[in-house]
Every structure is written in structure tokens, then in C-alpha cells.
């Protein structure tokens, strides 16, 4: 769990933790419902039923709030990755396949279908959002890199990084097609299995000369 970006001295008590959680949940709901243009401190305050001053007591800048929101979302995925690792009992291929299936099938949730594209849109306009997006996907790629390197130790480090990036991009690129309510949502399982097999084939090939 990374350190929160709340103002120093706030959010440490149980009451403060609950308030921060309320603020982050409110911000996430706004981003999903109203898009990045609707994500303001005033809107978050209204969503939470508290004053703007109460928001700024914990978050001096919207940038800090968004960073915590992005990383809170990713912390949920990290917990699932740990569960998958524990369930794999040391079998790297099982872990790799399970991680890919989890991330791909998660595209079908409303939260993922809407939240991440809105975060991407915000990243096109705000540097702090771009930094948060980069940090999230860097952490995801690091997991892929670790698994790929274990699956095929013959691969040079650059090849491992490129494959991790390619696989991550391949998954995220399906969001607009297999997400909640999207045209190919009913075929999400079949498409996910194609992605898993393609990823395995790529990883197990020797690096090109």
C-alpha cells in the first residue's frame, strides 16, 4: 500500500481514514458518471454531502486526490494478483494465464469500462493524471515482466519489456469492444482465451536475431 497524498497530519485517525475513503469513493463515482470534466473538488464535496473546506482539509489539490484515487483502484487489483499468485502454488504458467484472464474479464465490469477510459481522457489534458496513469500501468507491466522472465529465461531484458507492453496494450485495447454493454461483450470469454494463447505463444518463442 503506497503512502497517501493527503495533507500532512490528516487521514491518520480512524475517522480521517473513513473520511478519505468517502472522498475517494465520491470522486470515483463522479468520474464514472459525469466524466473527467465533472471531476472538481466542489462536485466531490456535493457528492459526499460535505463542504469544499472539508475536502481541502484532506486534499489541497485535485491532483493529489486523483493520484490517491488511481492508486486505490490499482491496490484492489494488486490484492487480486496476490490471491492468484497464492492459488497458483508456484506454477508460473498457471499464474500468468490466471492474471491475464482476470484482467481481461474485468474489462466487462461497468467500473472498468467507464473509469479507465475517463482516466485516459483526463490524462490527455492534465499532467498529474498522465503521471497517475503511467504509474498504474508501469506496475501492471512490472508484474508481466516478472512472469515472462520466469516463463522464458532465454529472453533478453528488452524483449521481456516489449512483450509486457504489447500484452498490456492488447488487453486495454479491447475495452471499447468487450466492455459492459459493448458490441462484443458476449464473446469476451472467447476473445480472452485467444489473447491468453497468443500471449503464451509470443512469450515462449525465442527472441528474434
C-alpha atoms as a PDB file:
ATOM      1  CA  UNK A   1       0.000   0.000   0.000  1.00  0.00           C
ATOM      2  CA  UNK A   2       1.517   3.308  -1.097  1.00  0.00           C
ATOM      3  CA  UNK A   3       1.537   6.402   1.097  1.00  0.00           C
ATOM      4  CA  UNK A   4      -1.500   8.638   0.665  1.00  0.00           C
ATOM      5  CA  UNK A   5      -1.139  12.083  -0.862  1.00  0.00           C
ATOM      6  CA  UNK A   6      -3.373  13.723   1.733  1.00  0.00           C
ATOM      7  CA  UNK A   7      -2.179  16.850   3.509  1.00  0.00           C
ATOM      8  CA  UNK A   8       0.371  16.090   6.242  1.00  0.00           C
ATOM      9  CA  UNK A   9      -1.280  15.250   9.550  1.00  0.00           C
ATOM     10  CA  UNK A  10      -4.657  14.337   8.060  1.00  0.00           C
ATOM     11  CA  UNK A  11      -6.233  10.957   7.382  1.00  0.00           C
ATOM     12  CA  UNK A  12      -4.212   9.208  10.100  1.00  0.00           C
ATOM     13  CA  UNK A  13      -7.016   8.603  12.591  1.00  0.00           C
ATOM     14  CA  UNK A  14      -9.797   6.095  12.043  1.00  0.00           C
ATOM     15  CA  UNK A  15     -12.221   8.961  11.448  1.00  0.00           C
ATOM     16  CA  UNK A  16      -9.798  10.527   8.982  1.00  0.00           C
ATOM     17  CA  UNK A  17      -9.362   7.222   7.133  1.00  0.00           C
ATOM     18  CA  UNK A  18     -13.123   6.892   6.784  1.00  0.00           C
ATOM     19  CA  UNK A  19     -13.427  10.444   5.500  1.00  0.00           C
ATOM     20  CA  UNK A  20     -10.669   9.897   2.929  1.00  0.00           C
ATOM     21  CA  UNK A  21     -12.383   6.702   1.790  1.00  0.00           C
ATOM     22  CA  UNK A  22     -15.658   8.594   1.422  1.00  0.00           C
ATOM     23  CA  UNK A  23     -13.951  11.299  -0.648  1.00  0.00           C
ATOM     24  CA  UNK A  24     -12.215   8.797  -2.931  1.00  0.00           C
ATOM     25  CA  UNK A  25     -15.409   6.806  -3.476  1.00  0.00           C
ATOM     26  CA  UNK A  26     -17.272  10.013  -4.290  1.00  0.00           C
ATOM     27  CA  UNK A  27     -14.590  11.078  -6.754  1.00  0.00           C
ATOM     28  CA  UNK A  28     -14.690   7.675  -8.467  1.00  0.00           C
ATOM     29  CA  UNK A  29     -18.461   7.805  -8.818  1.00  0.00           C
ATOM     30  CA  UNK A  30     -18.261  11.271 -10.395  1.00  0.00           C
ATOM     31  CA  UNK A  31     -15.573  10.200 -12.841  1.00  0.00           C
ATOM     32  CA  UNK A  32     -17.680   7.214 -13.902  1.00  0.00           C
ATOM     33  CA  UNK A  33     -20.979   9.087 -14.044  1.00  0.00           C
ATOM     34  CA  UNK A  34     -20.025  12.585 -15.236  1.00  0.00           C
ATOM     35  CA  UNK A  35     -16.640  12.114 -16.896  1.00  0.00           C
ATOM     36  CA  UNK A  36     -13.384  13.929 -16.305  1.00  0.00           C
ATOM     37  CA  UNK A  37     -14.948  17.359 -16.924  1.00  0.00           C
ATOM     38  CA  UNK A  38     -17.206  16.829 -13.949  1.00  0.00           C
ATOM     39  CA  UNK A  39     -14.418  15.918 -11.540  1.00  0.00           C
ATOM     40  CA  UNK A  40     -13.963  19.038  -9.412  1.00  0.00           C
ATOM     41  CA  UNK A  41     -13.450  19.430  -5.678  1.00  0.00           C
ATOM     42  CA  UNK A  42     -16.820  21.194  -5.472  1.00  0.00           C
ATOM     43  CA  UNK A  43     -18.514  18.268  -7.227  1.00  0.00           C
ATOM     44  CA  UNK A  44     -16.817  15.771  -4.918  1.00  0.00           C
ATOM     45  CA  UNK A  45     -17.964  17.758  -1.893  1.00  0.00           C
ATOM     46  CA  UNK A  46     -21.555  17.746  -3.165  1.00  0.00           C
ATOM     47  CA  UNK A  47     -21.367  14.010  -3.894  1.00  0.00           C
ATOM     48  CA  UNK A  48     -20.160  13.326  -0.347  1.00  0.00           C
ATOM     49  CA  UNK A  49     -22.548  15.783   1.305  1.00  0.00           C
ATOM     50  CA  UNK A  50     -19.728  17.743   2.922  1.00  0.00           C
ATOM     51  CA  UNK A  51     -18.231  21.205   2.452  1.00  0.00           C
ATOM     52  CA  UNK A  52     -15.466  22.068  -0.011  1.00  0.00           C
ATOM     53  CA  UNK A  53     -13.404  23.096   3.009  1.00  0.00           C
ATOM     54  CA  UNK A  54     -13.724  19.568   4.339  1.00  0.00           C
ATOM     55  CA  UNK A  55     -12.330  18.255   1.052  1.00  0.00           C
ATOM     56  CA  UNK A  56      -9.409  20.676   1.029  1.00  0.00           C
ATOM     57  CA  UNK A  57      -8.616  19.798   4.626  1.00  0.00           C
ATOM     58  CA  UNK A  58      -7.528  16.408   3.310  1.00  0.00           C
ATOM     59  CA  UNK A  59      -6.608  17.263  -0.271  1.00  0.00           C
ATOM     60  CA  UNK A  60      -5.080  20.636  -1.022  1.00  0.00           C
ATOM     61  CA  UNK A  61      -5.016  19.910  -4.758  1.00  0.00           C
ATOM     62  CA  UNK A  62      -7.202  17.865  -7.067  1.00  0.00           C
ATOM     63  CA  UNK A  63      -4.020  16.276  -8.412  1.00  0.00           C
ATOM     64  CA  UNK A  64      -3.331  14.635  -5.048  1.00  0.00           C
ATOM     65  CA  UNK A  65      -6.892  13.358  -4.816  1.00  0.00           C
ATOM     66  CA  UNK A  66      -6.736  11.822  -8.284  1.00  0.00           C
ATOM     67  CA  UNK A  67      -3.390  10.143  -7.595  1.00  0.00           C
ATOM     68  CA  UNK A  68      -4.838   8.522  -4.479  1.00  0.00           C
ATOM     69  CA  UNK A  69      -7.982   7.515  -6.374  1.00  0.00           C
ATOM     70  CA  UNK A  70      -5.992   5.899  -9.189  1.00  0.00           C
ATOM     71  CA  UNK A  71      -3.749   4.024  -6.804  1.00  0.00           C
ATOM     72  CA  UNK A  72      -6.639   2.936  -4.589  1.00  0.00           C
ATOM     73  CA  UNK A  73      -8.200   1.333  -7.646  1.00  0.00           C
ATOM     74  CA  UNK A  74      -4.919  -0.357  -8.542  1.00  0.00           C
ATOM     75  CA  UNK A  75      -4.451  -1.565  -4.948  1.00  0.00           C
ATOM     76  CA  UNK A  76      -7.597  -3.621  -5.460  1.00  0.00           C
ATOM     77  CA  UNK A  77      -6.032  -5.274  -8.493  1.00  0.00           C
ATOM     78  CA  UNK A  78      -2.775  -5.837  -6.622  1.00  0.00           C
ATOM     79  CA  UNK A  79      -4.668  -7.705  -3.926  1.00  0.00           C
ATOM     80  CA  UNK A  80      -6.241  -9.923  -6.583  1.00  0.00           C
ATOM     81  CA  UNK A  81      -2.839 -10.572  -8.164  1.00  0.00           C
ATOM     82  CA  UNK A  82      -1.555 -11.705  -4.769  1.00  0.00           C
ATOM     83  CA  UNK A  83      -4.531 -14.055  -4.396  1.00  0.00           C
ATOM     84  CA  UNK A  84      -3.834 -15.500  -7.846  1.00  0.00           C
ATOM     85  CA  UNK A  85      -0.161 -15.976  -7.017  1.00  0.00           C
ATOM     86  CA  UNK A  86      -1.031 -17.805  -3.800  1.00  0.00           C
ATOM     87  CA  UNK A  87      -3.517 -20.041  -5.638  1.00  0.00           C
ATOM     88  CA  UNK A  88      -1.028 -20.940  -8.361  1.00  0.00           C
ATOM     89  CA  UNK A  89       1.203 -22.796  -5.851  1.00  0.00           C
ATOM     90  CA  UNK A  90       4.356 -21.784  -7.671  1.00  0.00           C
ATOM     91  CA  UNK A  91       3.278 -22.747 -11.201  1.00  0.00           C
ATOM     92  CA  UNK A  92       4.308 -19.730 -13.280  1.00  0.00           C
ATOM     93  CA  UNK A  93       2.245 -20.653 -16.332  1.00  0.00           C
ATOM     94  CA  UNK A  94      -0.899 -21.056 -14.245  1.00  0.00           C
ATOM     95  CA  UNK A  95      -0.244 -17.702 -12.599  1.00  0.00           C
ATOM     96  CA  UNK A  96       0.418 -15.974 -15.933  1.00  0.00           C
ATOM     97  CA  UNK A  97      -2.753 -17.338 -17.509  1.00  0.00           C
ATOM     98  CA  UNK A  98      -4.860 -16.543 -14.434  1.00  0.00           C
ATOM     99  CA  UNK A  99      -3.603 -12.952 -14.279  1.00  0.00           C
ATOM    100  CA  UNK A 100      -4.356 -12.402 -17.973  1.00  0.00           C
ATOM    101  CA  UNK A 101      -7.824 -13.922 -17.669  1.00  0.00           C
ATOM    102  CA  UNK A 102      -8.640 -11.854 -14.602  1.00  0.00           C
ATOM    103  CA  UNK A 103      -7.578  -8.559 -16.184  1.00  0.00           C
ATOM    104  CA  UNK A 104      -9.320  -9.318 -19.487  1.00  0.00           C
ATOM    105  CA  UNK A 105     -12.606 -10.441 -17.944  1.00  0.00           C
ATOM    106  CA  UNK A 106     -12.533  -7.455 -15.589  1.00  0.00           C
ATOM    107  CA  UNK A 107     -12.986  -5.269 -18.671  1.00  0.00           C
ATOM    108  CA  UNK A 108     -16.624  -6.325 -18.533  1.00  0.00           C
ATOM    109  CA  UNK A 109     -17.367  -4.504 -15.290  1.00  0.00           C
ATOM    110  CA  UNK A 110     -19.039  -1.115 -15.583  1.00  0.00           C
ATOM    111  CA  UNK A 111     -16.379   0.430 -13.362  1.00  0.00           C
ATOM    112  CA  UNK A 112     -13.542  -0.682 -15.609  1.00  0.00           C
ATOM    113  CA  UNK A 113     -15.391   0.001 -18.870  1.00  0.00           C
ATOM    114  CA  UNK A 114     -16.014   3.617 -17.885  1.00  0.00           C
ATOM    115  CA  UNK A 115     -13.431   4.532 -15.234  1.00  0.00           C
ATOM    116  CA  UNK A 116     -10.232   3.823 -17.137  1.00  0.00           C
ATOM    117  CA  UNK A 117     -11.213   5.497 -20.437  1.00  0.00           C
ATOM    118  CA  UNK A 118     -12.214   8.573 -18.434  1.00  0.00           C
ATOM    119  CA  UNK A 119      -8.854   8.467 -16.687  1.00  0.00           C
ATOM    120  CA  UNK A 120      -7.140   8.192 -20.084  1.00  0.00           C
ATOM    121  CA  UNK A 121      -9.115  11.198 -21.325  1.00  0.00           C
ATOM    122  CA  UNK A 122      -8.155  13.226 -18.281  1.00  0.00           C
ATOM    123  CA  UNK A 123      -4.515  12.254 -18.845  1.00  0.00           C
ATOM    124  CA  UNK A 124      -4.684  13.974 -22.250  1.00  0.00           C
ATOM    125  CA  UNK A 125      -5.408  17.279 -20.535  1.00  0.00           C
ATOM    126  CA  UNK A 126      -3.783  17.132 -17.098  1.00  0.00           C
ATOM    127  CA  UNK A 127      -0.148  16.204 -16.411  1.00  0.00           C
ATOM    128  CA  UNK A 128      -0.944  14.829 -12.964  1.00  0.00           C
ATOM    129  CA  UNK A 129      -3.480  12.437 -14.488  1.00  0.00           C
ATOM    130  CA  UNK A 130      -0.921  11.311 -17.030  1.00  0.00           C
ATOM    131  CA  UNK A 131       1.537  10.605 -14.231  1.00  0.00           C
ATOM    132  CA  UNK A 132      -1.055   8.541 -12.360  1.00  0.00           C
ATOM    133  CA  UNK A 133      -1.896   6.528 -15.487  1.00  0.00           C
ATOM    134  CA  UNK A 134       1.769   5.882 -16.180  1.00  0.00           C
ATOM    135  CA  UNK A 135       2.363   4.683 -12.625  1.00  0.00           C
ATOM    136  CA  UNK A 136      -0.595   2.296 -12.731  1.00  0.00           C
ATOM    137  CA  UNK A 137       0.372   0.661 -16.000  1.00  0.00           C
ATOM    138  CA  UNK A 138       4.053   0.570 -15.091  1.00  0.00           C
ATOM    139  CA  UNK A 139       3.091  -1.523 -12.057  1.00  0.00           C
ATOM    140  CA  UNK A 140       0.992  -3.831 -14.240  1.00  0.00           C
ATOM    141  CA  UNK A 141       3.820  -4.233 -16.744  1.00  0.00           C
ATOM    142  CA  UNK A 142       6.274  -4.988 -13.950  1.00  0.00           C
ATOM    143  CA  UNK A 143       4.120  -7.949 -12.942  1.00  0.00           C
ATOM    144  CA  UNK A 144       4.007  -9.141 -16.552  1.00  0.00           C
ATOM    145  CA  UNK A 145       7.766  -8.731 -16.869  1.00  0.00           C
ATOM    146  CA  UNK A 146       8.401 -10.866 -13.786  1.00  0.00           C
ATOM    147  CA  UNK A 147       6.148 -13.639 -15.078  1.00  0.00           C
ATOM    148  CA  UNK A 148       7.505 -13.516 -18.640  1.00  0.00           C
ATOM    149  CA  UNK A 149      11.108 -13.675 -17.437  1.00  0.00           C
ATOM    150  CA  UNK A 150      10.283 -16.727 -15.338  1.00  0.00           C
ATOM    151  CA  UNK A 151       8.403 -18.422 -18.177  1.00  0.00           C
ATOM    152  CA  UNK A 152      11.209 -17.929 -20.683  1.00  0.00           C
ATOM    153  CA  UNK A 153      14.579 -17.124 -19.083  1.00  0.00           C
ATOM    154  CA  UNK A 154      16.183 -17.068 -22.548  1.00  0.00           C
ATOM    155  CA  UNK A 155      14.545 -13.771 -23.409  1.00  0.00           C
ATOM    156  CA  UNK A 156      16.767 -10.675 -23.123  1.00  0.00           C
ATOM    157  CA  UNK A 157      15.526  -7.902 -20.799  1.00  0.00           C
ATOM    158  CA  UNK A 158      14.422  -5.551 -23.596  1.00  0.00           C
ATOM    159  CA  UNK A 159      12.382  -8.311 -25.249  1.00  0.00           C
ATOM    160  CA  UNK A 160      10.701  -9.017 -21.902  1.00  0.00           C
ATOM    161  CA  UNK A 161       9.757  -5.350 -21.531  1.00  0.00           C
ATOM    162  CA  UNK A 162       8.424  -5.134 -25.089  1.00  0.00           C
ATOM    163  CA  UNK A 163       6.299  -8.249 -24.661  1.00  0.00           C
ATOM    164  CA  UNK A 164       4.911  -6.949 -21.359  1.00  0.00           C
ATOM    165  CA  UNK A 165       3.988  -3.656 -23.018  1.00  0.00           C
ATOM    166  CA  UNK A 166       2.422  -5.409 -26.001  1.00  0.00           C
ATOM    167  CA  UNK A 167       0.305  -7.693 -23.816  1.00  0.00           C
ATOM    168  CA  UNK A 168      -0.845  -4.817 -21.609  1.00  0.00           C
ATOM    169  CA  UNK A 169      -1.790  -2.719 -24.641  1.00  0.00           C
ATOM    170  CA  UNK A 170      -3.576  -5.679 -26.231  1.00  0.00           C
ATOM    171  CA  UNK A 171      -5.750  -6.148 -23.164  1.00  0.00           C
ATOM    172  CA  UNK A 172      -6.596  -2.481 -22.658  1.00  0.00           C
ATOM    173  CA  UNK A 173      -7.348  -2.037 -26.350  1.00  0.00           C
ATOM    174  CA  UNK A 174     -10.264  -4.460 -26.023  1.00  0.00           C
ATOM    175  CA  UNK A 175     -12.064  -2.196 -23.539  1.00  0.00           C
ATOM    176  CA  UNK A 176     -14.165  -0.414 -26.147  1.00  0.00           C
ATOM    177  CA  UNK A 177     -15.224  -3.705 -27.735  1.00  0.00           C
ATOM    178  CA  UNK A 178     -15.831  -6.189 -24.907  1.00  0.00           C
ATOM    179  CA  UNK A 179     -16.637  -3.834 -22.028  1.00  0.00           C
ATOM    180  CA  UNK A 180     -20.007  -3.603 -20.294  1.00  0.00           C
ATOM    181  CA  UNK A 181     -22.702  -3.053 -22.913  1.00  0.00           C
ATOM    182  CA  UNK A 182     -20.240  -3.106 -25.810  1.00  0.00           C
ATOM    183  CA  UNK A 183     -20.813  -4.909 -29.129  1.00  0.00           C
ATOM    184  CA  UNK A 184     -18.608  -7.939 -28.436  1.00  0.00           C
ATOM    185  CA  UNK A 185     -19.290  -8.265 -24.710  1.00  0.00           C
ATOM    186  CA  UNK A 186     -20.927 -11.688 -25.138  1.00  0.00           C
ATOM    187  CA  UNK A 187     -17.757 -13.002 -26.778  1.00  0.00           C
ATOM    188  CA  UNK A 188     -15.487 -11.694 -24.013  1.00  0.00           C
ATOM    189  CA  UNK A 189     -14.581 -15.172 -22.753  1.00  0.00           C
ATOM    190  CA  UNK A 190     -13.673 -16.495 -26.207  1.00  0.00           C
ATOM    191  CA  UNK A 191     -11.650 -13.393 -27.035  1.00  0.00           C
ATOM    192  CA  UNK A 192      -9.908 -13.627 -23.676  1.00  0.00           C
ATOM    193  CA  UNK A 193      -8.826 -17.183 -24.408  1.00  0.00           C
ATOM    194  CA  UNK A 194      -7.436 -16.076 -27.781  1.00  0.00           C
ATOM    195  CA  UNK A 195      -5.435 -13.380 -26.041  1.00  0.00           C
ATOM    196  CA  UNK A 196      -4.074 -15.802 -23.428  1.00  0.00           C
ATOM    197  CA  UNK A 197      -2.968 -18.292 -26.083  1.00  0.00           C
ATOM    198  CA  UNK A 198      -1.384 -15.602 -28.249  1.00  0.00           C
ATOM    199  CA  UNK A 199       0.451 -14.172 -25.255  1.00  0.00           C
ATOM    200  CA  UNK A 200       1.813 -17.597 -24.311  1.00  0.00           C
ATOM    201  CA  UNK A 201       2.931 -18.269 -27.872  1.00  0.00           C
ATOM    202  CA  UNK A 202       4.806 -14.977 -28.002  1.00  0.00           C
ATOM    203  CA  UNK A 203       6.469 -15.449 -24.633  1.00  0.00           C
ATOM    204  CA  UNK A 204       7.623 -18.986 -25.327  1.00  0.00           C
ATOM    205  CA  UNK A 205       9.222 -18.114 -28.675  1.00  0.00           C
ATOM    206  CA  UNK A 206      12.920 -17.415 -28.773  1.00  0.00           C
ATOM    207  CA  UNK A 207      13.806 -13.758 -29.249  1.00  0.00           C
ATOM    208  CA  UNK A 208      14.392 -12.811 -32.910  1.00  0.00           C
ATOM    209  CA  UNK A 209      18.008 -12.419 -34.029  1.00  0.00           C
END
